[in-house]
Amino acid sequence: MTEKLSISLTDEHAHLLQEAVESGDYASSSEVIREALREWKARRLLGRMWDEGIASGPADPGSGMGDIKAEARRRKSRA
């Protein structure tokens, strides 16, 4: 299902959109906009996850990458 929308762009943005299509990277301006919206959505999600991580406080001792790898090696050697 799709919804047709009308948007206004600055001349600069309209030119960038046209260049993306004319380069052959995209078949239509709609594809450019859809990809931009997907990236925007992903960036917002990453930002929320970052904020949650910062709000959770400092990591517990023993939870650094070296510690995680060492634990994985110990578990693998026991298997």
N, C-alpha and C. Protein backbone atom coordinates (compact mmCIF):
# COMPACT_ATOMS: atom_id res chain seq x y z
N MET A 1 0.84 -1.17 0.00
CA MET A 1 0.00 0.00 0.00
C MET A 1 0.89 1.24 0.00
N THR A 2 0.56 2.19 -0.79
CA THR A 2 1.31 3.44 -0.84
C THR A 2 0.37 4.63 -0.70
N GLU A 3 0.95 5.72 -0.29
CA GLU A 3 0.19 6.97 -0.17
C GLU A 3 0.94 8.03 -0.94
N LYS A 4 0.25 8.74 -1.78
CA LYS A 4 0.87 9.79 -2.56
C LYS A 4 0.86 11.08 -1.76
N LEU A 5 2.05 11.69 -1.63
CA LEU A 5 2.19 12.93 -0.88
C LEU A 5 2.83 13.98 -1.77
N SER A 6 2.57 15.21 -1.45
CA SER A 6 3.21 16.32 -2.14
C SER A 6 4.11 17.02 -1.13
N ILE A 7 5.38 17.21 -1.50
CA ILE A 7 6.31 17.88 -0.60
C ILE A 7 7.00 19.02 -1.33
N SER A 8 7.51 19.97 -0.57
CA SER A 8 8.28 21.07 -1.13
C SER A 8 9.73 20.89 -0.74
N LEU A 9 10.64 21.08 -1.70
CA LEU A 9 12.07 20.95 -1.46
C LEU A 9 12.76 22.25 -1.83
N THR A 10 13.87 22.51 -1.18
CA THR A 10 14.68 23.64 -1.61
C THR A 10 15.26 23.31 -2.98
N ASP A 11 15.72 24.31 -3.69
CA ASP A 11 16.33 24.07 -5.00
C ASP A 11 17.52 23.12 -4.88
N GLU A 12 18.29 23.29 -3.82
CA GLU A 12 19.46 22.43 -3.60
C GLU A 12 19.05 20.97 -3.43
N HIS A 13 18.04 20.73 -2.60
CA HIS A 13 17.58 19.36 -2.38
C HIS A 13 16.97 18.76 -3.64
N ALA A 14 16.21 19.55 -4.38
CA ALA A 14 15.62 19.07 -5.62
C ALA A 14 16.71 18.69 -6.61
N HIS A 15 17.77 19.48 -6.67
CA HIS A 15 18.88 19.17 -7.57
C HIS A 15 19.57 17.87 -7.16
N LEU A 16 19.80 17.70 -5.88
CA LEU A 16 20.42 16.47 -5.38
C LEU A 16 19.56 15.25 -5.73
N LEU A 17 18.27 15.39 -5.59
CA LEU A 17 17.33 14.31 -5.92
C LEU A 17 17.42 13.97 -7.41
N GLN A 18 17.40 14.98 -8.24
CA GLN A 18 17.49 14.77 -9.69
C GLN A 18 18.82 14.13 -10.07
N GLU A 19 19.90 14.57 -9.45
CA GLU A 19 21.22 13.98 -9.73
C GLU A 19 21.27 12.50 -9.37
N ALA A 20 20.65 12.14 -8.25
CA ALA A 20 20.65 10.75 -7.82
C ALA A 20 19.94 9.87 -8.84
N VAL A 21 18.85 10.36 -9.39
CA VAL A 21 18.09 9.59 -10.38
C VAL A 21 18.84 9.57 -11.71
N GLU A 22 19.33 10.72 -12.14
CA GLU A 22 20.04 10.81 -13.42
C GLU A 22 21.32 9.98 -13.43
N SER A 23 21.94 9.78 -12.28
CA SER A 23 23.17 8.98 -12.20
C SER A 23 22.90 7.50 -12.42
N GLY A 24 21.64 7.11 -12.31
CA GLY A 24 21.28 5.71 -12.45
C GLY A 24 21.30 4.94 -11.16
N ASP A 25 21.66 5.61 -10.07
CA ASP A 25 21.67 4.94 -8.76
C ASP A 25 20.26 4.61 -8.29
N TYR A 26 19.29 5.38 -8.75
CA TYR A 26 17.90 5.19 -8.37
C TYR A 26 17.04 5.26 -9.62
N ALA A 27 15.95 4.51 -9.61
CA ALA A 27 15.04 4.51 -10.76
C ALA A 27 14.08 5.69 -10.72
N SER A 28 13.84 6.23 -9.53
CA SER A 28 12.88 7.32 -9.41
C SER A 28 13.19 8.16 -8.17
N SER A 29 12.62 9.36 -8.16
CA SER A 29 12.80 10.22 -6.99
C SER A 29 12.14 9.59 -5.76
N SER A 30 11.08 8.81 -5.97
CA SER A 30 10.43 8.13 -4.84
C SER A 30 11.38 7.16 -4.16
N GLU A 31 12.22 6.47 -4.95
CA GLU A 31 13.20 5.55 -4.36
C GLU A 31 14.19 6.30 -3.49
N VAL A 32 14.63 7.46 -3.95
CA VAL A 32 15.57 8.27 -3.17
C VAL A 32 14.94 8.65 -1.84
N ILE A 33 13.72 9.14 -1.89
CA ILE A 33 13.03 9.56 -0.66
C ILE A 33 12.81 8.38 0.28
N ARG A 34 12.40 7.23 -0.27
CA ARG A 34 12.17 6.06 0.59
C ARG A 34 13.46 5.64 1.30
N GLU A 35 14.58 5.63 0.57
CA GLU A 35 15.84 5.27 1.20
C GLU A 35 16.23 6.29 2.27
N ALA A 36 16.04 7.56 1.97
CA ALA A 36 16.36 8.60 2.94
C ALA A 36 15.53 8.42 4.22
N LEU A 37 14.27 8.08 4.06
CA LEU A 37 13.41 7.88 5.23
C LEU A 37 13.83 6.64 6.02
N ARG A 38 14.23 5.57 5.32
CA ARG A 38 14.71 4.37 6.02
C ARG A 38 15.96 4.70 6.84
N GLU A 39 16.89 5.45 6.25
CA GLU A 39 18.11 5.83 6.97
C GLU A 39 17.80 6.75 8.14
N TRP A 40 16.88 7.67 7.95
CA TRP A 40 16.47 8.57 9.03
C TRP A 40 15.89 7.77 10.20
N LYS A 41 15.04 6.79 9.86
CA LYS A 41 14.42 5.95 10.89
C LYS A 41 15.49 5.16 11.65
N ALA A 42 16.45 4.60 10.93
CA ALA A 42 17.52 3.82 11.56
C ALA A 42 18.38 4.71 12.46
N ARG A 43 18.68 5.93 12.00
CA ARG A 43 19.47 6.85 12.79
C ARG A 43 18.75 7.26 14.07
N ARG A 44 17.45 7.44 13.98
CA ARG A 44 16.66 7.78 15.18
C ARG A 44 16.68 6.62 16.18
N LEU A 45 16.53 5.38 15.67
CA LEU A 45 16.58 4.20 16.53
C LEU A 45 17.93 4.10 17.21
N LEU A 46 19.01 4.29 16.44
CA LEU A 46 20.34 4.23 17.01
C LEU A 46 20.53 5.30 18.08
N GLY A 47 20.00 6.49 17.82
CA GLY A 47 20.08 7.56 18.81
C GLY A 47 19.36 7.21 20.10
N ARG A 48 18.18 6.61 19.98
CA ARG A 48 17.44 6.19 21.19
C ARG A 48 18.21 5.11 21.95
N MET A 49 18.78 4.17 21.21
CA MET A 49 19.55 3.10 21.85
C MET A 49 20.78 3.68 22.55
N TRP A 50 21.43 4.64 21.91
CA TRP A 50 22.59 5.31 22.51
C TRP A 50 22.17 5.99 23.81
N ASP A 51 21.09 6.74 23.76
CA ASP A 51 20.61 7.44 24.95
C ASP A 51 20.28 6.47 26.08
N GLU A 52 19.66 5.33 25.74
CA GLU A 52 19.35 4.33 26.76
C GLU A 52 20.63 3.76 27.37
N GLY A 53 21.62 3.53 26.54
CA GLY A 53 22.90 3.01 27.04
C GLY A 53 23.56 3.99 27.99
N ILE A 54 23.58 5.25 27.62
CA ILE A 54 24.18 6.28 28.48
C ILE A 54 23.40 6.38 29.79
N ALA A 55 22.07 6.32 29.70
CA ALA A 55 21.24 6.44 30.90
C ALA A 55 21.37 5.24 31.83
N SER A 56 21.81 4.10 31.30
CA SER A 56 21.92 2.90 32.13
C SER A 56 23.12 2.96 33.06
N GLY A 57 24.00 3.92 32.86
CA GLY A 57 25.14 4.07 33.76
C GLY A 57 26.36 3.32 33.27
N PRO A 58 27.45 3.40 34.03
CA PRO A 58 28.70 2.75 33.62
C PRO A 58 28.56 1.23 33.58
N ALA A 59 29.38 0.63 32.76
CA ALA A 59 29.38 -0.84 32.64
C ALA A 59 29.93 -1.46 33.92
N ASP A 60 29.47 -2.66 34.20
CA ASP A 60 29.99 -3.40 35.34
C ASP A 60 31.43 -3.81 35.05
N PRO A 61 32.28 -3.84 36.09
CA PRO A 61 33.63 -4.35 35.87
C PRO A 61 33.54 -5.79 35.35
N GLY A 62 34.42 -6.12 34.46
CA GLY A 62 34.40 -7.48 33.91
C GLY A 62 33.48 -7.61 32.71
N SER A 63 33.01 -6.50 32.17
CA SER A 63 32.12 -6.60 31.01
C SER A 63 32.70 -5.88 29.79
N GLY A 64 34.02 -5.67 29.81
CA GLY A 64 34.68 -5.07 28.65
C GLY A 64 34.82 -6.11 27.54
N MET A 65 35.20 -5.67 26.36
CA MET A 65 35.30 -6.58 25.22
C MET A 65 36.31 -7.69 25.48
N GLY A 66 37.44 -7.37 26.11
CA GLY A 66 38.42 -8.40 26.43
C GLY A 66 37.85 -9.45 27.37
N ASP A 67 37.07 -9.00 28.36
CA ASP A 67 36.44 -9.93 29.31
C ASP A 67 35.40 -10.81 28.61
N ILE A 68 34.63 -10.22 27.72
CA ILE A 68 33.60 -10.97 26.99
C ILE A 68 34.26 -12.04 26.12
N LYS A 69 35.35 -11.69 25.43
CA LYS A 69 36.05 -12.66 24.58
C LYS A 69 36.67 -13.78 25.43
N ALA A 70 37.25 -13.41 26.56
CA ALA A 70 37.85 -14.42 27.44
C ALA A 70 36.78 -15.40 27.93
N GLU A 71 35.62 -14.89 28.30
CA GLU A 71 34.52 -15.76 28.76
C GLU A 71 34.06 -16.68 27.63
N ALA A 72 33.99 -16.15 26.42
CA ALA A 72 33.59 -16.97 25.27
C ALA A 72 34.61 -18.09 25.04
N ARG A 73 35.88 -17.77 25.16
CA ARG A 73 36.93 -18.81 24.99
C ARG A 73 36.81 -19.88 26.07
N ARG A 74 36.55 -19.45 27.32
CA ARG A 74 36.40 -20.42 28.42
C ARG A 74 35.22 -21.36 28.13
N ARG A 75 34.11 -20.78 27.71
CA ARG A 75 32.92 -21.60 27.41
C ARG A 75 33.18 -22.55 26.26
N LYS A 76 33.90 -22.08 25.25
CA LYS A 76 34.18 -22.93 24.08
C LYS A 76 35.09 -24.09 24.49
N SER A 77 36.04 -23.84 25.35
CA SER A 77 36.99 -24.91 25.75
C SER A 77 36.28 -25.96 26.62
N ARG A 78 35.20 -25.58 27.29
CA ARG A 78 34.45 -26.54 28.12
C ARG A 78 33.51 -27.40 27.28
N ALA A 79 33.15 -26.93 26.11
CA ALA A 79 32.17 -27.64 25.28
C ALA A 79 32.72 -28.87 24.64
